[in-house]
């Protein structure tokens, strides 16, 4: 039961970070917290059913999530080098 509370806490922190932060790195960390919370829930419910498929899915989910994070971090570095800012309010002004 305490793992579900931990997972829901991570989800709440991630959603709070997405709603209030304007830095691209902080947004990326918030998205990572949300994906970790979702993966943790999947493993918790799979282990309660004594199913090893949940653990196999977790290994796959972590590897895919790591690759996506690496690509997103590379894009953030490119944006910072080209534009000199990571603030999404400033980046949205470039669209106009």
N, C-alpha and C. Protein backbone atom coordinates (compact mmCIF):
# COMPACT_ATOMS: atom_id res chain seq x y z
N UNK A 1 0.81 -1.19 0.00
CA UNK A 1 0.00 0.00 0.00
C UNK A 1 0.86 1.26 0.00
N UNK A 2 2.01 1.19 0.70
CA UNK A 2 2.86 2.38 0.77
C UNK A 2 3.50 2.71 -0.57
N UNK A 3 3.67 1.71 -1.44
CA UNK A 3 4.22 1.98 -2.77
C UNK A 3 3.22 2.74 -3.64
N UNK A 4 1.96 2.47 -3.46
CA UNK A 4 0.95 3.20 -4.23
C UNK A 4 0.91 4.65 -3.77
N UNK A 5 1.06 4.88 -2.49
CA UNK A 5 1.10 6.25 -1.98
C UNK A 5 2.34 6.98 -2.52
N UNK A 6 3.47 6.28 -2.54
CA UNK A 6 4.69 6.87 -3.10
C UNK A 6 4.51 7.19 -4.58
N UNK A 7 3.89 6.30 -5.31
CA UNK A 7 3.65 6.52 -6.73
C UNK A 7 2.72 7.70 -6.97
N UNK A 8 1.67 7.80 -6.18
CA UNK A 8 0.75 8.93 -6.32
C UNK A 8 1.42 10.25 -5.93
N UNK A 9 2.32 10.20 -4.95
CA UNK A 9 3.06 11.40 -4.57
C UNK A 9 3.97 11.85 -5.70
N UNK A 10 4.67 10.91 -6.33
CA UNK A 10 5.52 11.24 -7.48
C UNK A 10 4.70 11.81 -8.63
N UNK A 11 3.52 11.24 -8.85
CA UNK A 11 2.65 11.75 -9.90
C UNK A 11 2.20 13.17 -9.59
N UNK A 12 1.84 13.44 -8.35
CA UNK A 12 1.40 14.78 -7.97
C UNK A 12 2.54 15.80 -8.10
N UNK A 13 3.75 15.42 -7.71
CA UNK A 13 4.89 16.32 -7.85
C UNK A 13 5.18 16.60 -9.32
N UNK A 14 5.08 15.57 -10.16
CA UNK A 14 5.29 15.76 -11.59
C UNK A 14 4.26 16.66 -12.23
N UNK A 15 3.01 16.49 -11.89
CA UNK A 15 1.95 17.35 -12.43
C UNK A 15 2.11 18.78 -11.93
N UNK A 16 2.48 18.94 -10.67
CA UNK A 16 2.73 20.29 -10.14
C UNK A 16 3.88 20.96 -10.89
N UNK A 17 4.93 20.20 -11.16
CA UNK A 17 6.06 20.75 -11.90
C UNK A 17 5.68 21.14 -13.32
N UNK A 18 4.86 20.35 -13.97
CA UNK A 18 4.41 20.70 -15.32
C UNK A 18 3.54 21.95 -15.32
N UNK A 19 2.78 22.13 -14.28
CA UNK A 19 1.85 23.27 -14.23
C UNK A 19 2.51 24.57 -13.84
N UNK A 20 3.61 24.51 -13.08
CA UNK A 20 4.15 25.75 -12.52
C UNK A 20 5.52 26.15 -13.04
N UNK A 21 6.28 25.26 -13.61
CA UNK A 21 7.65 25.58 -14.01
C UNK A 21 7.70 26.02 -15.47
N UNK A 22 8.67 26.87 -15.78
CA UNK A 22 8.81 27.39 -17.13
C UNK A 22 10.17 27.06 -17.76
N UNK A 23 11.03 26.38 -17.03
CA UNK A 23 12.33 26.00 -17.54
C UNK A 23 12.24 24.63 -18.21
N UNK A 24 12.89 24.48 -19.37
CA UNK A 24 12.77 23.21 -20.11
C UNK A 24 13.34 22.03 -19.33
N UNK A 25 14.42 22.24 -18.60
CA UNK A 25 15.02 21.14 -17.83
C UNK A 25 14.06 20.70 -16.72
N UNK A 26 13.45 21.66 -16.04
CA UNK A 26 12.51 21.32 -14.97
C UNK A 26 11.27 20.62 -15.53
N UNK A 27 10.84 21.03 -16.71
CA UNK A 27 9.71 20.34 -17.35
C UNK A 27 10.08 18.91 -17.71
N UNK A 28 11.29 18.71 -18.19
CA UNK A 28 11.75 17.36 -18.52
C UNK A 28 11.81 16.48 -17.27
N UNK A 29 12.27 17.03 -16.17
CA UNK A 29 12.31 16.27 -14.91
C UNK A 29 10.89 15.94 -14.44
N UNK A 30 9.96 16.87 -14.61
CA UNK A 30 8.57 16.62 -14.22
C UNK A 30 7.96 15.50 -15.06
N UNK A 31 8.24 15.49 -16.34
CA UNK A 31 7.74 14.42 -17.21
C UNK A 31 8.34 13.09 -16.81
N UNK A 32 9.61 13.08 -16.43
CA UNK A 32 10.25 11.85 -15.97
C UNK A 32 9.61 11.34 -14.68
N UNK A 33 9.26 12.24 -13.78
CA UNK A 33 8.59 11.81 -12.55
C UNK A 33 7.24 11.17 -12.85
N UNK A 34 6.53 11.72 -13.81
CA UNK A 34 5.22 11.15 -14.18
C UNK A 34 5.39 9.76 -14.78
N UNK A 35 6.38 9.58 -15.65
CA UNK A 35 6.58 8.26 -16.26
C UNK A 35 7.06 7.24 -15.24
N UNK A 36 7.87 7.66 -14.29
CA UNK A 36 8.32 6.74 -13.23
C UNK A 36 7.15 6.32 -12.36
N UNK A 37 6.26 7.27 -12.06
CA UNK A 37 5.08 6.94 -11.25
C UNK A 37 4.18 5.94 -11.97
N UNK A 38 3.99 6.14 -13.27
CA UNK A 38 3.15 5.22 -14.03
C UNK A 38 3.79 3.83 -14.11
N UNK A 39 5.09 3.78 -14.34
CA UNK A 39 5.78 2.48 -14.40
C UNK A 39 5.75 1.78 -13.05
N UNK A 40 5.90 2.55 -11.98
CA UNK A 40 5.87 1.96 -10.65
C UNK A 40 4.49 1.36 -10.35
N UNK A 41 3.43 2.06 -10.75
CA UNK A 41 2.09 1.52 -10.57
C UNK A 41 1.91 0.21 -11.31
N UNK A 42 2.41 0.15 -12.54
CA UNK A 42 2.27 -1.07 -13.32
C UNK A 42 2.97 -2.23 -12.65
N UNK A 43 4.16 -2.02 -12.14
CA UNK A 43 4.90 -3.10 -11.49
C UNK A 43 4.24 -3.50 -10.18
N UNK A 44 3.73 -2.55 -9.44
CA UNK A 44 3.07 -2.86 -8.16
C UNK A 44 1.85 -3.75 -8.40
N UNK A 45 1.04 -3.39 -9.39
CA UNK A 45 -0.16 -4.19 -9.64
C UNK A 45 0.18 -5.53 -10.27
N UNK A 46 1.23 -5.59 -11.05
CA UNK A 46 1.63 -6.88 -11.62
C UNK A 46 2.21 -7.79 -10.54
N UNK A 47 2.94 -7.23 -9.60
CA UNK A 47 3.51 -8.07 -8.55
C UNK A 47 2.43 -8.55 -7.57
N UNK A 48 1.36 -7.78 -7.43
CA UNK A 48 0.28 -8.25 -6.56
C UNK A 48 -0.45 -9.44 -7.18
N UNK A 49 -0.36 -9.58 -8.50
CA UNK A 49 -0.96 -10.72 -9.19
C UNK A 49 0.03 -11.86 -9.40
N UNK A 50 1.26 -11.71 -8.86
CA UNK A 50 2.33 -12.69 -9.04
C UNK A 50 2.61 -12.96 -10.52
N UNK A 51 2.68 -11.90 -11.29
CA UNK A 51 2.92 -12.00 -12.73
C UNK A 51 4.29 -11.40 -13.04
N UNK A 52 5.17 -12.17 -13.67
CA UNK A 52 6.51 -11.69 -14.01
C UNK A 52 6.50 -10.80 -15.24
N UNK A 53 5.39 -10.76 -15.95
CA UNK A 53 5.31 -9.92 -17.14
C UNK A 53 5.43 -8.43 -16.78
N UNK A 54 4.97 -8.04 -15.62
CA UNK A 54 5.08 -6.65 -15.18
C UNK A 54 6.52 -6.22 -14.99
N UNK A 55 7.34 -7.11 -14.47
CA UNK A 55 8.76 -6.80 -14.29
C UNK A 55 9.48 -6.73 -15.64
N UNK A 56 9.10 -7.60 -16.55
CA UNK A 56 9.69 -7.54 -17.90
C UNK A 56 9.29 -6.26 -18.60
N UNK A 57 8.05 -5.85 -18.42
CA UNK A 57 7.61 -4.59 -19.01
C UNK A 57 8.36 -3.42 -18.40
N UNK A 58 8.66 -3.49 -17.12
CA UNK A 58 9.37 -2.40 -16.46
C UNK A 58 10.77 -2.23 -17.03
N UNK A 59 11.45 -3.31 -17.31
CA UNK A 59 12.78 -3.23 -17.91
C UNK A 59 12.69 -2.58 -19.29
N UNK A 60 11.71 -2.97 -20.07
CA UNK A 60 11.51 -2.37 -21.39
C UNK A 60 11.13 -0.90 -21.27
N UNK A 61 10.27 -0.57 -20.33
CA UNK A 61 9.84 0.82 -20.15
C UNK A 61 11.00 1.71 -19.72
N UNK A 62 11.84 1.24 -18.82
CA UNK A 62 12.99 2.04 -18.40
C UNK A 62 13.97 2.27 -19.54
N UNK A 63 14.21 1.25 -20.35
CA UNK A 63 15.15 1.43 -21.45
C UNK A 63 14.61 2.39 -22.50
N UNK A 64 13.33 2.28 -22.83
CA UNK A 64 12.73 3.20 -23.81
C UNK A 64 12.68 4.61 -23.23
N UNK A 65 12.34 4.74 -21.97
CA UNK A 65 12.26 6.05 -21.33
C UNK A 65 13.64 6.71 -21.27
N UNK A 66 14.68 5.94 -21.04
CA UNK A 66 16.03 6.48 -21.02
C UNK A 66 16.44 7.01 -22.39
N UNK A 67 16.09 6.29 -23.44
CA UNK A 67 16.40 6.75 -24.80
C UNK A 67 15.64 8.03 -25.13
N UNK A 68 14.39 8.10 -24.77
CA UNK A 68 13.59 9.30 -25.04
C UNK A 68 14.14 10.49 -24.26
N UNK A 69 14.55 10.26 -23.03
CA UNK A 69 15.12 11.34 -22.22
C UNK A 69 16.43 11.84 -22.81
N UNK A 70 17.25 10.94 -23.31
CA UNK A 70 18.52 11.35 -23.93
C UNK A 70 18.27 12.22 -25.16
N UNK A 71 17.30 11.86 -25.98
CA UNK A 71 16.98 12.67 -27.16
C UNK A 71 16.40 14.02 -26.75
N UNK A 72 15.53 14.03 -25.76
CA UNK A 72 14.94 15.29 -25.30
C UNK A 72 16.01 16.20 -24.69
N UNK A 73 16.93 15.63 -23.95
CA UNK A 73 18.00 16.43 -23.36
C UNK A 73 18.92 16.99 -24.45
N UNK A 74 19.18 16.21 -25.48
CA UNK A 74 19.98 16.72 -26.61
C UNK A 74 19.27 17.87 -27.31
N UNK A 75 17.95 17.77 -27.46
CA UNK A 75 17.20 18.87 -28.07
C UNK A 75 17.23 20.12 -27.19
N UNK A 76 17.16 19.94 -25.88
CA UNK A 76 17.24 21.08 -24.96
C UNK A 76 18.59 21.76 -25.08
N UNK A 77 19.66 20.98 -25.19
CA UNK A 77 20.99 21.56 -25.33
C UNK A 77 21.11 22.32 -26.65
N UNK A 78 20.56 21.79 -27.72
CA UNK A 78 20.59 22.49 -29.01
C UNK A 78 19.81 23.80 -28.94
N UNK A 79 18.64 23.78 -28.31
CA UNK A 79 17.84 24.99 -28.17
C UNK A 79 18.61 26.03 -27.37
N UNK A 80 19.27 25.62 -26.29
CA UNK A 80 20.01 26.58 -25.47
C UNK A 80 21.20 27.16 -26.25
N UNK A 81 21.89 26.34 -27.00
CA UNK A 81 23.03 26.84 -27.77
C UNK A 81 22.60 27.79 -28.88
N UNK A 82 21.48 27.49 -29.53
CA UNK A 82 21.02 28.34 -30.64
C UNK A 82 20.36 29.63 -30.16
N UNK A 83 19.54 29.54 -29.10
CA UNK A 83 18.73 30.68 -28.70
C UNK A 83 19.18 31.34 -27.40
N UNK A 84 19.95 30.64 -26.59
CA UNK A 84 20.47 31.22 -25.36
C UNK A 84 19.49 31.27 -24.20
N UNK A 85 18.37 30.61 -24.31
CA UNK A 85 17.39 30.61 -23.22
C UNK A 85 16.71 29.25 -23.15
N UNK A 86 16.25 28.93 -21.94
CA UNK A 86 15.47 27.70 -21.73
C UNK A 86 14.06 28.01 -21.23
N UNK A 87 13.73 29.27 -21.13
CA UNK A 87 12.42 29.69 -20.65
C UNK A 87 11.38 29.50 -21.75
N UNK A 88 10.33 28.74 -21.46
CA UNK A 88 9.34 28.46 -22.51
C UNK A 88 8.52 29.68 -22.87
N UNK A 89 8.45 30.66 -21.97
CA UNK A 89 7.73 31.89 -22.31
C UNK A 89 8.48 32.67 -23.38
N UNK A 90 9.80 32.67 -23.29
CA UNK A 90 10.62 33.33 -24.30
C UNK A 90 10.59 32.56 -25.62
N UNK A 91 10.60 31.25 -25.53
CA UNK A 91 10.59 30.43 -26.75
C UNK A 91 9.26 30.53 -27.47
N UNK A 92 8.18 30.72 -26.75
CA UNK A 92 6.89 30.84 -27.42
C UNK A 92 6.77 32.16 -28.16
N UNK A 93 7.52 33.19 -27.76
CA UNK A 93 7.52 34.46 -28.48
C UNK A 93 8.19 34.34 -29.85
N UNK A 94 9.06 33.35 -30.03
CA UNK A 94 9.73 33.15 -31.30
C UNK A 94 8.79 32.66 -32.38
N UNK A 95 7.69 32.07 -31.96
CA UNK A 95 6.71 31.53 -32.91
C UNK A 95 6.00 32.64 -33.67
N UNK A 96 5.89 33.81 -33.06
CA UNK A 96 5.14 34.91 -33.67
C UNK A 96 5.91 35.63 -34.74
